[in-house]
Amino acid sequence: MEEENQLTEKESLALITSMIKKAKNSYIESGIGPLFWGIVITFCSLITYARVSYQLDIGFDEWFLSLFALLPQVFFIWRARKQKNFISHDESIMNFVWATFAICIFLLSFYNSHVHPSNSIALYMIVYGIPTFITGGVRKFTPMVVGGIICWVCSIASYYTSFANGMLLMALSATSAWLIPGIILRRRYLTMKHV
């Protein structure tokens, strides 16, 4: 009976490979999350820059697009979790880090809507850098570590520039922290999936 439950070397290797592939199928590792948010935040920042610089009236607040972006994000997370049988310790930590980020962004937006500080762009970029830097460090993914640092450098630079140019810095932050790493992660994920 005991011999029936033992796996052969080939079966053990196949099981380990399968588990690694499932662990790599997370929302962040697949590149969908960073890519998606990199596009949304970069786009909203550039639209805000154009609206302020050229007095464009688009008829709505472009940042509402980030609220609508939550629906696909929830779908992608749900689909990724449905495909997995377990959540690794690192992924559990990352879930808390990104949930904390979402709560902080909500609280910062709530604060800004009531206090209207003159340069809150810098605060957003500080907050953008935190989970990005942590994720890059935990996952040993240098592009996200660099992206987090770029967010903080852009945050400091935004104190010395106009609001419109601060939006260009925010676009640079989102591109560096999420869009470029998302593209890299997506390419890696698709390459690994076909192996």
N, C-alpha and C. Protein backbone atom coordinates (compact mmCIF):
# COMPACT_ATOMS: atom_id res chain seq x y z
N MET A 1 0.83 -1.20 0.00
CA MET A 1 0.00 0.00 0.00
C MET A 1 0.86 1.25 0.00
N GLU A 2 1.94 1.23 0.82
CA GLU A 2 2.83 2.39 0.91
C GLU A 2 3.52 2.63 -0.41
N GLU A 3 3.88 1.55 -1.11
CA GLU A 3 4.57 1.69 -2.39
C GLU A 3 3.66 2.31 -3.44
N GLU A 4 2.33 2.07 -3.35
CA GLU A 4 1.39 2.64 -4.31
C GLU A 4 1.31 4.15 -4.19
N ASN A 5 1.51 4.71 -2.98
CA ASN A 5 1.39 6.15 -2.76
C ASN A 5 2.66 6.92 -3.10
N GLN A 6 3.78 6.21 -3.31
CA GLN A 6 5.02 6.89 -3.64
C GLN A 6 5.02 7.29 -5.11
N LEU A 7 5.53 8.49 -5.38
CA LEU A 7 5.60 8.97 -6.75
C LEU A 7 6.95 8.60 -7.37
N THR A 8 6.93 8.35 -8.65
CA THR A 8 8.20 8.13 -9.35
C THR A 8 8.90 9.48 -9.49
N GLU A 9 10.17 9.45 -9.86
CA GLU A 9 10.92 10.71 -10.05
C GLU A 9 10.25 11.56 -11.13
N LYS A 10 9.81 10.91 -12.19
CA LYS A 10 9.17 11.64 -13.30
C LYS A 10 7.86 12.28 -12.83
N GLU A 11 7.06 11.55 -12.05
CA GLU A 11 5.80 12.09 -11.52
C GLU A 11 6.05 13.24 -10.55
N SER A 12 7.09 13.08 -9.72
CA SER A 12 7.44 14.14 -8.76
C SER A 12 7.84 15.42 -9.50
N LEU A 13 8.66 15.27 -10.53
CA LEU A 13 9.10 16.41 -11.32
C LEU A 13 7.91 17.07 -12.02
N ALA A 14 7.00 16.28 -12.55
CA ALA A 14 5.80 16.80 -13.22
C ALA A 14 4.92 17.56 -12.22
N LEU A 15 4.79 17.03 -11.00
CA LEU A 15 3.99 17.68 -9.96
C LEU A 15 4.61 19.02 -9.56
N ILE A 16 5.92 19.04 -9.36
CA ILE A 16 6.63 20.28 -8.99
C ILE A 16 6.49 21.31 -10.11
N THR A 17 6.68 20.90 -11.34
CA THR A 17 6.54 21.81 -12.49
C THR A 17 5.14 22.39 -12.55
N SER A 18 4.14 21.54 -12.33
CA SER A 18 2.75 21.99 -12.34
C SER A 18 2.49 23.02 -11.25
N MET A 19 3.03 22.78 -10.05
CA MET A 19 2.84 23.71 -8.94
C MET A 19 3.51 25.05 -9.21
N ILE A 20 4.71 25.02 -9.82
CA ILE A 20 5.41 26.26 -10.15
C ILE A 20 4.61 27.05 -11.17
N LYS A 21 4.07 26.37 -12.17
CA LYS A 21 3.26 27.06 -13.19
C LYS A 21 2.02 27.69 -12.57
N LYS A 22 1.38 26.99 -11.63
CA LYS A 22 0.21 27.55 -10.96
C LYS A 22 0.59 28.74 -10.10
N ALA A 23 1.72 28.67 -9.43
CA ALA A 23 2.18 29.79 -8.60
C ALA A 23 2.51 30.99 -9.47
N LYS A 24 3.01 30.74 -10.67
CA LYS A 24 3.37 31.85 -11.57
C LYS A 24 2.14 32.47 -12.22
N ASN A 25 0.97 31.86 -12.06
CA ASN A 25 -0.23 32.34 -12.72
C ASN A 25 -0.96 33.39 -11.89
N SER A 26 -0.25 34.10 -11.05
CA SER A 26 -0.89 35.12 -10.23
C SER A 26 -1.19 36.36 -11.05
N TYR A 27 -1.98 37.21 -10.48
CA TYR A 27 -2.40 38.45 -11.13
C TYR A 27 -1.21 39.33 -11.48
N ILE A 28 -0.23 39.39 -10.58
CA ILE A 28 0.94 40.23 -10.84
C ILE A 28 1.91 39.50 -11.76
N GLU A 29 2.21 38.24 -11.46
CA GLU A 29 3.19 37.49 -12.25
C GLU A 29 2.78 37.37 -13.72
N SER A 30 1.49 37.33 -14.00
CA SER A 30 1.04 37.22 -15.39
C SER A 30 1.17 38.54 -16.14
N GLY A 31 1.41 39.62 -15.40
CA GLY A 31 1.60 40.93 -16.02
C GLY A 31 0.32 41.71 -16.24
N ILE A 32 -0.83 41.07 -16.08
CA ILE A 32 -2.12 41.72 -16.37
C ILE A 32 -2.32 42.93 -15.45
N GLY A 33 -2.13 42.75 -14.16
CA GLY A 33 -2.37 43.84 -13.20
C GLY A 33 -1.51 45.06 -13.45
N PRO A 34 -0.17 44.89 -13.44
CA PRO A 34 0.67 46.05 -13.68
C PRO A 34 0.43 46.69 -15.05
N LEU A 35 0.25 45.87 -16.06
CA LEU A 35 0.02 46.38 -17.42
C LEU A 35 -1.26 47.20 -17.47
N PHE A 36 -2.31 46.64 -16.91
CA PHE A 36 -3.61 47.30 -16.93
C PHE A 36 -3.56 48.65 -16.22
N TRP A 37 -3.03 48.65 -14.98
CA TRP A 37 -2.98 49.89 -14.21
C TRP A 37 -1.97 50.88 -14.77
N GLY A 38 -0.91 50.37 -15.37
CA GLY A 38 0.04 51.27 -16.02
C GLY A 38 -0.61 52.04 -17.15
N ILE A 39 -1.43 51.35 -17.93
CA ILE A 39 -2.14 52.00 -19.04
C ILE A 39 -3.15 53.02 -18.51
N VAL A 40 -3.96 52.61 -17.54
CA VAL A 40 -5.03 53.49 -17.02
C VAL A 40 -4.45 54.76 -16.39
N ILE A 41 -3.48 54.62 -15.50
CA ILE A 41 -2.95 55.79 -14.79
C ILE A 41 -2.14 56.67 -15.73
N THR A 42 -1.37 56.08 -16.64
CA THR A 42 -0.63 56.89 -17.62
C THR A 42 -1.61 57.67 -18.49
N PHE A 43 -2.65 57.01 -18.98
CA PHE A 43 -3.65 57.66 -19.83
C PHE A 43 -4.34 58.81 -19.09
N CYS A 44 -4.82 58.55 -17.87
CA CYS A 44 -5.51 59.60 -17.10
C CYS A 44 -4.58 60.78 -16.81
N SER A 45 -3.33 60.50 -16.52
CA SER A 45 -2.36 61.57 -16.24
C SER A 45 -2.12 62.43 -17.48
N LEU A 46 -1.98 61.78 -18.63
CA LEU A 46 -1.75 62.53 -19.87
C LEU A 46 -2.99 63.33 -20.28
N ILE A 47 -4.17 62.78 -20.06
CA ILE A 47 -5.40 63.52 -20.35
C ILE A 47 -5.50 64.74 -19.43
N THR A 48 -5.17 64.57 -18.16
CA THR A 48 -5.20 65.70 -17.21
C THR A 48 -4.20 66.75 -17.64
N TYR A 49 -3.00 66.34 -18.05
CA TYR A 49 -2.00 67.28 -18.53
C TYR A 49 -2.55 68.08 -19.72
N ALA A 50 -3.14 67.39 -20.69
CA ALA A 50 -3.69 68.06 -21.88
C ALA A 50 -4.84 68.98 -21.50
N ARG A 51 -5.71 68.52 -20.59
CA ARG A 51 -6.86 69.33 -20.17
C ARG A 51 -6.41 70.62 -19.51
N VAL A 52 -5.42 70.53 -18.61
CA VAL A 52 -4.94 71.71 -17.88
C VAL A 52 -4.10 72.61 -18.79
N SER A 53 -3.22 72.03 -19.58
CA SER A 53 -2.31 72.83 -20.41
C SER A 53 -3.01 73.52 -21.57
N TYR A 54 -4.01 72.85 -22.15
CA TYR A 54 -4.64 73.38 -23.35
C TYR A 54 -6.11 73.73 -23.14
N GLN A 55 -6.54 73.82 -21.88
CA GLN A 55 -7.92 74.15 -21.50
C GLN A 55 -8.95 73.33 -22.28
N LEU A 56 -8.71 72.04 -22.35
CA LEU A 56 -9.64 71.14 -23.02
C LEU A 56 -10.77 70.78 -22.07
N ASP A 57 -11.96 70.67 -22.61
CA ASP A 57 -13.10 70.23 -21.82
C ASP A 57 -13.58 68.91 -22.39
N ILE A 58 -13.34 67.84 -21.66
CA ILE A 58 -13.76 66.53 -22.17
C ILE A 58 -15.11 66.11 -21.62
N GLY A 59 -15.69 66.90 -20.75
CA GLY A 59 -17.06 66.65 -20.29
C GLY A 59 -17.20 65.76 -19.07
N PHE A 60 -16.10 65.20 -18.59
CA PHE A 60 -16.15 64.37 -17.38
C PHE A 60 -14.75 64.34 -16.76
N ASP A 61 -14.69 63.89 -15.53
CA ASP A 61 -13.40 63.77 -14.85
C ASP A 61 -12.74 62.47 -15.30
N GLU A 62 -11.62 62.60 -15.99
CA GLU A 62 -10.94 61.43 -16.55
C GLU A 62 -10.52 60.40 -15.49
N TRP A 63 -10.39 60.83 -14.24
CA TRP A 63 -9.96 59.92 -13.19
C TRP A 63 -11.07 58.94 -12.79
N PHE A 64 -12.31 59.21 -13.24
CA PHE A 64 -13.38 58.22 -13.02
C PHE A 64 -13.10 56.93 -13.79
N LEU A 65 -12.27 57.02 -14.83
CA LEU A 65 -11.90 55.82 -15.58
C LEU A 65 -11.19 54.81 -14.68
N SER A 66 -10.47 55.32 -13.68
CA SER A 66 -9.79 54.38 -12.77
C SER A 66 -10.79 53.60 -11.92
N LEU A 67 -11.96 54.20 -11.66
CA LEU A 67 -13.01 53.47 -10.94
C LEU A 67 -13.59 52.36 -11.82
N PHE A 68 -13.82 52.68 -13.10
CA PHE A 68 -14.35 51.67 -14.02
C PHE A 68 -13.32 50.58 -14.28
N ALA A 69 -12.05 50.92 -14.09
CA ALA A 69 -10.99 49.93 -14.28
C ALA A 69 -11.01 48.86 -13.20
N LEU A 70 -11.68 49.12 -12.10
CA LEU A 70 -11.75 48.14 -11.02
C LEU A 70 -12.50 46.88 -11.43
N LEU A 71 -13.53 47.03 -12.26
CA LEU A 71 -14.32 45.86 -12.66
C LEU A 71 -13.49 44.81 -13.39
N PRO A 72 -12.74 45.19 -14.43
CA PRO A 72 -11.90 44.17 -15.07
C PRO A 72 -10.84 43.61 -14.12
N GLN A 73 -10.31 44.46 -13.22
CA GLN A 73 -9.31 44.00 -12.27
C GLN A 73 -9.89 42.91 -11.37
N VAL A 74 -11.09 43.13 -10.86
CA VAL A 74 -11.74 42.13 -10.01
C VAL A 74 -11.94 40.84 -10.80
N PHE A 75 -12.34 40.94 -12.07
CA PHE A 75 -12.53 39.76 -12.92
C PHE A 75 -11.21 39.00 -13.09
N PHE A 76 -10.12 39.73 -13.41
CA PHE A 76 -8.82 39.07 -13.61
C PHE A 76 -8.34 38.37 -12.34
N ILE A 77 -8.52 39.02 -11.20
CA ILE A 77 -8.12 38.42 -9.92
C ILE A 77 -8.96 37.17 -9.66
N TRP A 78 -10.27 37.27 -9.86
CA TRP A 78 -11.17 36.13 -9.63
C TRP A 78 -10.78 34.96 -10.53
N ARG A 79 -10.52 35.24 -11.80
CA ARG A 79 -10.16 34.19 -12.75
C ARG A 79 -8.83 33.52 -12.38
N ALA A 80 -7.85 34.34 -11.97
CA ALA A 80 -6.54 33.79 -11.58
C ALA A 80 -6.67 32.92 -10.33
N ARG A 81 -7.47 33.35 -9.37
CA ARG A 81 -7.64 32.57 -8.15
C ARG A 81 -8.40 31.28 -8.42
N LYS A 82 -9.32 31.31 -9.35
CA LYS A 82 -10.11 30.12 -9.69
C LYS A 82 -9.22 29.04 -10.29
N GLN A 83 -8.17 29.46 -10.99
CA GLN A 83 -7.26 28.52 -11.63
C GLN A 83 -6.24 27.92 -10.67
N LYS A 84 -6.17 28.45 -9.45
CA LYS A 84 -5.15 28.00 -8.50
C LYS A 84 -5.78 27.16 -7.40
N ASN A 85 -4.98 26.22 -6.90
CA ASN A 85 -5.42 25.38 -5.78
C ASN A 85 -4.87 25.87 -4.46
N PHE A 86 -3.91 26.76 -4.51
CA PHE A 86 -3.27 27.23 -3.27
C PHE A 86 -2.75 28.64 -3.48
N ILE A 87 -2.45 29.32 -2.37
CA ILE A 87 -1.83 30.64 -2.41
C ILE A 87 -0.53 30.55 -1.62
N SER A 88 0.57 30.91 -2.26
CA SER A 88 1.87 30.84 -1.59
C SER A 88 1.97 31.92 -0.52
N HIS A 89 2.94 31.76 0.35
CA HIS A 89 3.16 32.73 1.43
C HIS A 89 3.47 34.12 0.84
N ASP A 90 4.35 34.16 -0.16
CA ASP A 90 4.68 35.44 -0.80
C ASP A 90 3.45 36.10 -1.42
N GLU A 91 2.62 35.29 -2.06
CA GLU A 91 1.43 35.85 -2.70
C GLU A 91 0.45 36.38 -1.66
N SER A 92 0.35 35.69 -0.54
CA SER A 92 -0.51 36.16 0.54
C SER A 92 -0.03 37.51 1.06
N ILE A 93 1.28 37.66 1.22
CA ILE A 93 1.85 38.94 1.65
C ILE A 93 1.55 40.02 0.61
N MET A 94 1.76 39.69 -0.67
CA MET A 94 1.51 40.66 -1.73
C MET A 94 0.05 41.10 -1.78
N ASN A 95 -0.86 40.17 -1.51
CA ASN A 95 -2.27 40.53 -1.47
C ASN A 95 -2.53 41.59 -0.41
N PHE A 96 -1.92 41.43 0.75
CA PHE A 96 -2.08 42.43 1.81
C PHE A 96 -1.43 43.76 1.45
N VAL A 97 -0.25 43.70 0.83
CA VAL A 97 0.45 44.93 0.43
C VAL A 97 -0.41 45.72 -0.55
N TRP A 98 -0.96 45.04 -1.57
CA TRP A 98 -1.75 45.73 -2.59
C TRP A 98 -3.13 46.15 -2.07
N ALA A 99 -3.68 45.38 -1.14
CA ALA A 99 -4.94 45.81 -0.51
C ALA A 99 -4.70 47.07 0.31
N THR A 100 -3.57 47.12 1.01
CA THR A 100 -3.20 48.32 1.78
C THR A 100 -3.04 49.51 0.84
N PHE A 101 -2.40 49.28 -0.30
CA PHE A 101 -2.23 50.34 -1.30
C PHE A 101 -3.58 50.88 -1.76
N ALA A 102 -4.51 49.98 -2.07
CA ALA A 102 -5.85 50.40 -2.54
C ALA A 102 -6.56 51.22 -1.47
N ILE A 103 -6.47 50.79 -0.23
CA ILE A 103 -7.10 51.54 0.87
C ILE A 103 -6.46 52.91 1.02
N CYS A 104 -5.14 52.97 0.94
CA CYS A 104 -4.43 54.26 1.07
C CYS A 104 -4.79 55.22 -0.07
N ILE A 105 -4.91 54.70 -1.28
CA ILE A 105 -5.31 55.55 -2.42
C ILE A 105 -6.72 56.09 -2.19
N PHE A 106 -7.62 55.23 -1.73
CA PHE A 106 -8.98 55.67 -1.44
C PHE A 106 -8.97 56.76 -0.36
N LEU A 107 -8.24 56.53 0.72
CA LEU A 107 -8.18 57.51 1.82
C LEU A 107 -7.54 58.82 1.37
N LEU A 108 -6.51 58.72 0.54
CA LEU A 108 -5.86 59.93 0.02
C LEU A 108 -6.81 60.71 -0.88
N SER A 109 -7.56 60.01 -1.71
CA SER A 109 -8.55 60.67 -2.58
C SER A 109 -9.64 61.33 -1.74
N PHE A 110 -10.09 60.65 -0.70
CA PHE A 110 -11.10 61.21 0.21
C PHE A 110 -10.56 62.46 0.89
N TYR A 111 -9.32 62.40 1.36
CA TYR A 111 -8.67 63.54 2.01
C TYR A 111 -8.57 64.72 1.04
N ASN A 112 -8.12 64.43 -0.20
CA ASN A 112 -7.97 65.51 -1.19
C ASN A 112 -9.30 66.17 -1.54
N SER A 113 -10.36 65.39 -1.57
CA SER A 113 -11.66 65.95 -1.93
C SER A 113 -12.19 66.90 -0.85
N HIS A 114 -11.70 66.77 0.37
CA HIS A 114 -12.15 67.64 1.46
C HIS A 114 -11.18 68.76 1.79
N VAL A 115 -9.88 68.51 1.65
CA VAL A 115 -8.88 69.50 2.06
C VAL A 115 -8.35 70.29 0.88
N HIS A 116 -8.30 69.70 -0.30
CA HIS A 116 -7.77 70.32 -1.52
C HIS A 116 -6.36 70.86 -1.34
N PRO A 117 -5.39 70.01 -0.98
CA PRO A 117 -4.01 70.49 -0.83
C PRO A 117 -3.46 70.91 -2.19
N SER A 118 -2.48 71.81 -2.16
CA SER A 118 -1.99 72.39 -3.41
C SER A 118 -1.16 71.41 -4.24
N ASN A 119 -0.46 70.48 -3.62
CA ASN A 119 0.38 69.59 -4.40
C ASN A 119 0.23 68.15 -3.94
N SER A 120 -0.95 67.60 -4.09
CA SER A 120 -1.20 66.22 -3.64
C SER A 120 -0.65 65.19 -4.63
N ILE A 121 -0.25 65.62 -5.82
CA ILE A 121 0.32 64.69 -6.80
C ILE A 121 1.51 63.97 -6.19
N ALA A 122 2.32 64.72 -5.45
CA ALA A 122 3.51 64.14 -4.83
C ALA A 122 3.13 63.01 -3.89
N LEU A 123 2.04 63.18 -3.15
CA LEU A 123 1.61 62.14 -2.21
C LEU A 123 1.20 60.87 -2.93
N TYR A 124 0.50 61.02 -4.05
CA TYR A 124 0.09 59.85 -4.83
C TYR A 124 1.32 59.08 -5.30
N MET A 125 2.32 59.80 -5.81
CA MET A 125 3.51 59.12 -6.32
C MET A 125 4.29 58.44 -5.20
N ILE A 126 4.29 59.04 -4.00
CA ILE A 126 4.92 58.37 -2.85
C ILE A 126 4.22 57.04 -2.59
N VAL A 127 2.88 57.08 -2.56
CA VAL A 127 2.10 55.86 -2.30
C VAL A 127 2.27 54.86 -3.44
N TYR A 128 2.33 55.32 -4.71
CA TYR A 128 2.54 54.42 -5.84
C TYR A 128 3.85 53.64 -5.67
N GLY A 129 4.87 54.31 -5.17
CA GLY A 129 6.18 53.68 -5.05
C GLY A 129 6.25 52.58 -4.02
N ILE A 130 5.45 52.67 -2.96
CA ILE A 130 5.58 51.72 -1.85
C ILE A 130 5.29 50.28 -2.25
N PRO A 131 4.08 49.95 -2.74
CA PRO A 131 3.82 48.54 -3.07
C PRO A 131 4.63 48.06 -4.27
N THR A 132 4.96 48.99 -5.16
CA THR A 132 5.75 48.62 -6.34
C THR A 132 7.15 48.19 -5.90
N PHE A 133 7.76 48.98 -5.04
CA PHE A 133 9.10 48.68 -4.53
C PHE A 133 9.10 47.37 -3.74
N ILE A 134 8.10 47.19 -2.87
CA ILE A 134 8.01 45.96 -2.06
C ILE A 134 7.82 44.75 -2.96
N THR A 135 6.90 44.85 -3.93
CA THR A 135 6.65 43.74 -4.85
C THR A 135 7.91 43.37 -5.61
N GLY A 136 8.60 44.38 -6.13
CA GLY A 136 9.85 44.12 -6.85
C GLY A 136 10.88 43.44 -5.98
N GLY A 137 10.98 43.87 -4.71
CA GLY A 137 11.94 43.27 -3.79
C GLY A 137 11.58 41.84 -3.42
N VAL A 138 10.32 41.61 -3.08
CA VAL A 138 9.88 40.26 -2.69
C VAL A 138 9.98 39.29 -3.86
N ARG A 139 9.59 39.75 -5.04
CA ARG A 139 9.61 38.87 -6.23
C ARG A 139 10.96 38.88 -6.94
N LYS A 140 11.91 39.66 -6.40
CA LYS A 140 13.24 39.79 -7.00
C LYS A 140 13.12 40.20 -8.48
N PHE A 141 12.31 41.24 -8.69
CA PHE A 141 12.04 41.73 -10.03
C PHE A 141 12.50 43.19 -10.10
N THR A 142 13.71 43.39 -10.60
CA THR A 142 14.37 44.69 -10.60
C THR A 142 13.56 45.80 -11.28
N PRO A 143 12.88 45.56 -12.42
CA PRO A 143 12.13 46.66 -13.03
C PRO A 143 11.11 47.31 -12.08
N MET A 144 10.49 46.53 -11.18
CA MET A 144 9.53 47.13 -10.25
C MET A 144 10.25 47.86 -9.12
N VAL A 145 11.40 47.38 -8.70
CA VAL A 145 12.18 48.10 -7.69
C VAL A 145 12.57 49.46 -8.26
N VAL A 146 13.08 49.47 -9.48
CA VAL A 146 13.46 50.72 -10.14
C VAL A 146 12.24 51.60 -10.34
N GLY A 147 11.11 51.01 -10.73
CA GLY A 147 9.87 51.77 -10.91
C GLY A 147 9.43 52.45 -9.63
N GLY A 148 9.54 51.76 -8.49
CA GLY A 148 9.19 52.36 -7.20
C GLY A 148 10.09 53.55 -6.88
N ILE A 149 11.37 53.40 -7.16
CA ILE A 149 12.32 54.50 -6.91
C ILE A 149 12.01 55.68 -7.82
N ILE A 150 11.69 55.40 -9.08
CA ILE A 150 11.33 56.48 -10.01
C ILE A 150 10.09 57.23 -9.51
N CYS A 151 9.12 56.52 -8.95
CA CYS A 151 7.94 57.18 -8.37
C CYS A 151 8.36 58.19 -7.31
N TRP A 152 9.28 57.79 -6.45
CA TRP A 152 9.71 58.68 -5.36
C TRP A 152 10.52 59.87 -5.87
N VAL A 153 11.36 59.64 -6.88
CA VAL A 153 12.13 60.74 -7.48
C VAL A 153 11.17 61.72 -8.15
N CYS A 154 10.18 61.20 -8.87
CA CYS A 154 9.17 62.06 -9.52
C CYS A 154 8.36 62.82 -8.48
N SER A 155 8.10 62.19 -7.35
CA SER A 155 7.38 62.86 -6.26
C SER A 155 8.14 64.09 -5.80
N ILE A 156 9.43 63.95 -5.58
CA ILE A 156 10.26 65.08 -5.14
C ILE A 156 10.28 66.15 -6.23
N ALA A 157 10.47 65.73 -7.49
CA ALA A 157 10.52 66.68 -8.61
C ALA A 157 9.21 67.46 -8.75
N SER A 158 8.09 66.82 -8.41
CA SER A 158 6.79 67.48 -8.59
C SER A 158 6.62 68.69 -7.68
N TYR A 159 7.38 68.78 -6.60
CA TYR A 159 7.31 69.95 -5.72
C TYR A 159 7.85 71.20 -6.41
N TYR A 160 8.67 71.01 -7.42
CA TYR A 160 9.34 72.13 -8.09
C TYR A 160 8.78 72.42 -9.47
N THR A 161 7.58 71.96 -9.73
CA THR A 161 7.00 72.15 -11.06
C THR A 161 5.52 72.50 -10.94
N SER A 162 4.93 72.84 -12.06
CA SER A 162 3.51 73.16 -12.08
C SER A 162 2.67 71.89 -11.96
N PHE A 163 1.37 72.08 -11.73
CA PHE A 163 0.45 70.94 -11.65
C PHE A 163 0.46 70.15 -12.95
N ALA A 164 0.41 70.86 -14.08
CA ALA A 164 0.38 70.18 -15.39
C ALA A 164 1.63 69.33 -15.59
N ASN A 165 2.79 69.89 -15.29
CA ASN A 165 4.02 69.13 -15.44
C ASN A 165 4.11 68.00 -14.41
N GLY A 166 3.48 68.21 -13.26
CA GLY A 166 3.37 67.15 -12.26
C GLY A 166 2.61 65.95 -12.82
N MET A 167 1.62 66.22 -13.68
CA MET A 167 0.88 65.13 -14.31
C MET A 167 1.76 64.35 -15.29
N LEU A 168 2.69 65.04 -15.94
CA LEU A 168 3.65 64.32 -16.79
C LEU A 168 4.54 63.43 -15.93
N LEU A 169 4.92 63.93 -14.76
CA LEU A 169 5.72 63.12 -13.83
C LEU A 169 4.92 61.91 -13.33
N MET A 170 3.61 62.12 -13.11
CA MET A 170 2.77 61.00 -12.69
C MET A 170 2.66 59.96 -13.80
N ALA A 171 2.56 60.43 -15.05
CA ALA A 171 2.53 59.50 -16.19
C ALA A 171 3.84 58.72 -16.27
N LEU A 172 4.96 59.40 -16.04
CA LEU A 172 6.26 58.74 -16.03
C LEU A 172 6.32 57.71 -14.89
N SER A 173 5.78 58.06 -13.74
CA SER A 173 5.76 57.13 -12.60
C SER A 173 4.97 55.87 -12.93
N ALA A 174 3.78 56.05 -13.47
CA ALA A 174 2.93 54.90 -13.80
C ALA A 174 3.56 54.04 -14.89
N THR A 175 4.17 54.69 -15.86
CA THR A 175 4.83 53.95 -16.94
C THR A 175 6.01 53.15 -16.40
N SER A 176 6.79 53.77 -15.51
CA SER A 176 7.99 53.12 -14.96
C SER A 176 7.63 52.03 -13.96
N ALA A 177 6.63 52.29 -13.11
CA ALA A 177 6.30 51.37 -12.03
C ALA A 177 5.46 50.19 -12.51
N TRP A 178 4.57 50.42 -13.48
CA TRP A 178 3.61 49.38 -13.84
C TRP A 178 3.60 49.00 -15.31
N LEU A 179 3.59 50.00 -16.20
CA LEU A 179 3.43 49.68 -17.62
C LEU A 179 4.62 48.89 -18.16
N ILE A 180 5.83 49.39 -17.99
CA ILE A 180 7.01 48.69 -18.50
C ILE A 180 7.20 47.34 -17.80
N PRO A 181 7.15 47.30 -16.44
CA PRO A 181 7.24 45.98 -15.79
C PRO A 181 6.12 45.04 -16.23
N GLY A 182 4.91 45.58 -16.45
CA GLY A 182 3.79 44.75 -16.90
C GLY A 182 4.05 44.12 -18.25
N ILE A 183 4.64 44.90 -19.16
CA ILE A 183 4.98 44.37 -20.49
C ILE A 183 6.01 43.25 -20.36
N ILE A 184 7.04 43.49 -19.52
CA ILE A 184 8.08 42.47 -19.32
C ILE A 184 7.49 41.20 -18.71
N LEU A 185 6.67 41.37 -17.67
CA LEU A 185 6.05 40.22 -17.01
C LEU A 185 5.13 39.46 -17.95
N ARG A 186 4.36 40.19 -18.75
CA ARG A 186 3.43 39.54 -19.68
C ARG A 186 4.18 38.70 -20.70
N ARG A 187 5.27 39.26 -21.24
CA ARG A 187 6.07 38.51 -22.22
C ARG A 187 6.65 37.25 -21.58
N ARG A 188 7.19 37.39 -20.37
CA ARG A 188 7.74 36.22 -19.66
C ARG A 188 6.66 35.17 -19.44
N TYR A 189 5.50 35.64 -18.97
CA TYR A 189 4.39 34.72 -18.67
C TYR A 189 3.95 33.96 -19.91
N LEU A 190 3.79 34.67 -21.02
CA LEU A 190 3.34 34.01 -22.26
C LEU A 190 4.41 33.06 -22.78
N THR A 191 5.68 33.41 -22.62
CA THR A 191 6.76 32.52 -23.04
C THR A 191 6.76 31.25 -22.19
N MET A 192 6.62 31.41 -20.86
CA MET A 192 6.61 30.25 -19.95
C MET A 192 5.39 29.37 -20.18
N LYS A 193 4.27 29.99 -20.52
CA LYS A 193 3.03 29.23 -20.71
C LYS A 193 3.14 28.31 -21.91
N HIS A 194 3.93 28.72 -22.90
CA HIS A 194 4.08 27.93 -24.11
C HIS A 194 5.20 26.90 -23.99
N VAL A 195 5.93 26.93 -22.89
CA VAL A 195 7.04 25.97 -22.72
C VAL A 195 6.50 24.65 -22.19
